[in-house]
């Protein structure tokens, strides 16, 4: 049976520690969110966002297409979704 992932707007979200990956590795690009810090309640308050080429044979530096930092997870997901949708069109 195939593993079922949490999805956001139809694409999988996979968390590994402080990193969250959004998108399908079978497509040309994915988004990586890195939680840099959290507030006293445990809510992320500094998140790095990177639009990456999904080609793992490239170096980490060469995979980065766009990068930004946001202050809430909602802002990070919103910009990551827009970047990915525009890139995949």
Protein backbone atom coordinates (compact mmCIF):
# COMPACT_ATOMS: atom_id res chain seq x y z
CA UNK A 1 0.00 0.00 0.00
CA UNK A 2 1.36 3.44 -0.97
CA UNK A 3 2.16 5.83 1.85
CA UNK A 4 -0.28 8.75 2.13
CA UNK A 5 1.19 12.18 2.95
CA UNK A 6 -0.43 15.30 4.35
CA UNK A 7 -1.31 17.58 1.44
CA UNK A 8 -1.60 21.33 0.93
CA UNK A 9 -3.53 22.45 -2.15
CA UNK A 10 -3.15 19.02 -3.74
CA UNK A 11 0.59 18.53 -3.25
CA UNK A 12 2.33 16.49 -0.53
CA UNK A 13 3.92 18.08 2.56
CA UNK A 14 6.64 15.97 4.17
CA UNK A 15 8.37 17.00 7.40
CA UNK A 16 11.81 15.85 8.52
CA UNK A 17 12.89 17.62 11.71
CA UNK A 18 12.89 21.38 11.06
CA UNK A 19 12.55 20.93 7.30
CA UNK A 20 9.30 20.65 5.37
CA UNK A 21 9.25 19.67 1.70
CA UNK A 22 6.32 20.64 -0.51
CA UNK A 23 5.64 19.16 -3.94
CA UNK A 24 6.25 16.00 -5.95
CA UNK A 25 9.83 14.89 -6.55
CA UNK A 26 8.64 13.56 -9.93
CA UNK A 27 8.04 17.17 -11.06
CA UNK A 28 10.78 19.61 -12.03
CA UNK A 29 10.72 21.67 -8.79
CA UNK A 30 9.83 21.46 -5.09
CA UNK A 31 9.78 23.91 -2.19
CA UNK A 32 11.80 23.45 0.99
CA UNK A 33 10.82 25.25 4.20
CA UNK A 34 13.38 25.39 7.00
CA UNK A 35 12.10 26.44 10.43
CA UNK A 36 14.85 28.60 11.91
CA UNK A 37 13.15 29.65 15.16
CA UNK A 38 9.92 29.35 17.13
CA UNK A 39 8.17 31.60 19.64
CA UNK A 40 7.39 30.68 23.26
CA UNK A 41 4.26 28.79 22.14
CA UNK A 42 6.24 26.66 19.68
CA UNK A 43 4.89 28.45 16.59
CA UNK A 44 7.48 29.04 13.85
CA UNK A 45 8.43 32.73 13.67
CA UNK A 46 11.29 32.59 11.17
CA UNK A 47 11.09 30.29 8.15
CA UNK A 48 13.48 30.09 5.19
CA UNK A 49 11.79 29.21 1.90
CA UNK A 50 13.69 27.84 -1.10
CA UNK A 51 12.35 26.88 -4.52
CA UNK A 52 14.55 23.98 -5.59
CA UNK A 53 15.07 21.97 -8.74
CA UNK A 54 14.16 18.40 -7.87
CA UNK A 55 17.23 17.04 -9.70
CA UNK A 56 19.28 15.57 -6.83
CA UNK A 57 22.34 15.09 -9.05
CA UNK A 58 22.95 18.86 -8.92
CA UNK A 59 24.82 20.45 -6.03
CA UNK A 60 22.70 22.02 -3.29
CA UNK A 61 23.76 25.50 -4.45
CA UNK A 62 22.84 24.79 -8.09
CA UNK A 63 19.40 23.49 -7.11
CA UNK A 64 18.28 26.81 -5.57
CA UNK A 65 16.09 28.90 -7.90
CA UNK A 66 14.61 31.39 -5.40
CA UNK A 67 15.01 31.98 -1.69
CA UNK A 68 13.27 34.12 0.97
CA UNK A 69 12.53 34.31 4.69
CA UNK A 70 9.07 34.84 6.24
CA UNK A 71 7.80 35.33 9.79
CA UNK A 72 4.82 32.95 9.82
CA UNK A 73 4.18 29.50 8.43
CA UNK A 74 1.11 30.83 6.60
CA UNK A 75 3.20 33.46 4.76
CA UNK A 76 5.83 30.83 3.95
CA UNK A 77 3.28 28.33 2.58
CA UNK A 78 1.56 31.06 0.60
CA UNK A 79 4.72 32.26 -1.18
CA UNK A 80 6.00 28.70 -1.64
CA UNK A 81 2.73 27.67 -3.27
CA UNK A 82 2.80 30.65 -5.66
CA UNK A 83 6.45 30.06 -6.63
CA UNK A 84 5.84 26.37 -7.29
CA UNK A 85 2.64 26.87 -9.29
CA UNK A 86 4.22 29.55 -11.49
CA UNK A 87 7.33 27.47 -12.08
CA UNK A 88 5.44 24.30 -12.99
CA UNK A 89 3.24 26.04 -15.60
